[in-house]
Amino acid sequence: MMSKNNLSFLGAGVLFFGAMSQSFAQSSVRIYGVLDGGIVYTNTGKNTLKQASGTGSTSRLGFTGYEDLGGGWRAAFQLESSFQADVGAIGSTTRQGTNAFFNRESNISISNPDFGTIKLGRQLPAQLSLALDPFLAVSGFSPFASLLSSNSDLGAGATIGDSRISNSISYYTPDREGLGGQLLYGFRENTAAGYTKASDYGLEMHYHKGALSYLGAQFTVINVDPSGGASAFKNYWIAAGAQYLIGPNALSYQINLVSPQRDGYLKAQTHVLGWTYTPNSRHVVKASLVYRNVPARKTNNSISLGLGYEYNFSKNTALYTRLGLVGNHSTAISSLAGASPDVPGNDIKVIAAGIRMRF
């Protein structure tokens, strides 16, 4: 629940940035956001019906702006916080234990078309394009996001890390005939003995041309803090994927490998097939098939199917439905839409409907 101080801060921020956008009518500063609310039914061994926020798209509030500096140089900033539209709570706790108000984006950057972009602050890791997932890795539903992050069965501390990286610096190359990439390094503020100097670091490279909208690969290292007498260790997240456009269809495939670098730990592969069909501006159909394979322990394997339909009333407002199924093997614990099996091996069913409005 938000404190009165947080509420006051949010109100002051909205008034401040609103005043800026009014005072400088030609400025680049703007307020944006998404509100998403719906009804979700889940079966994890028991039935649950609830109102939820973020099943179709993460509810969020953001401020962004830029200033042209001359000679092609531009300075920019972005502040963005997720919130739960059903209860009004905003922000969340990061993997480092920080209570972050702007938990999605909090960064400043400088860029030039010939040089690229340097960005400082909390931001996305160096990873494959989220467009490879028809459900855009939205934690409120995406089977890809759910199965990829279900790694507690690999060993304590097995992880793909935080969805955004704090204290980080990144460099985006300029686009050179469809070829580009990103480097990211997350600084560690804890200097106690046993802690690594970096929390995360990684590389992503990609290519696009014509109907091939994305072809890329990533290598990311996530350092786990020492805990309970156990030393710190690395998690490798390695991935490759592609997306191809055929008329109104977007077809994609990606493979992700989660590899904790500690003796006795398991490794997992996640294969993702995606399809998005957009015959016109009103209708969007989505589907994804995700297979999680743990080679050393097949009973931990899972398969998930996600289906979705969206009807766009306008550019900003849409109704959506979602259907998700997770088939867990006898000891598998894969989740979906925040719902975990009551006991290992239980399957999961999710049915949702809601409305999303952008502003």
Foldseek 3Di string as FASTA:
>chain_A
DDDPVLVVVVVVVVVVLVVVCVVCVPFFKDKKWKWWKWWKWKCQPDIDIDIWTQLQHFTKIKIKGKDDPPPQKIKMWMFMWTAINVVGGIADAFPVRDRDRRNAGGWMWMAGLQFFMKIFFKYAAFDFQLVLFVSSLRQQFGLVVQQQAQFVQQDPPQGPGTRIAGGKMKTWGHQDQFKIKMWMWHADPDPDPQDDGTQKIKMKIWGADDQWRIWIKMWMWGWDPDPPNRGIWIKIKIKTKTWGDDPQKIWMKMKIKIGTPDPPGWIKIKIKIWMWGDPDPFKIKIKMKIWIATPVDRQQIKIKIKIKMWGDPDPFKIKMKIKMKMQHGQQHFGDGSPDTRPHGGGIMIMIMIIMMGID
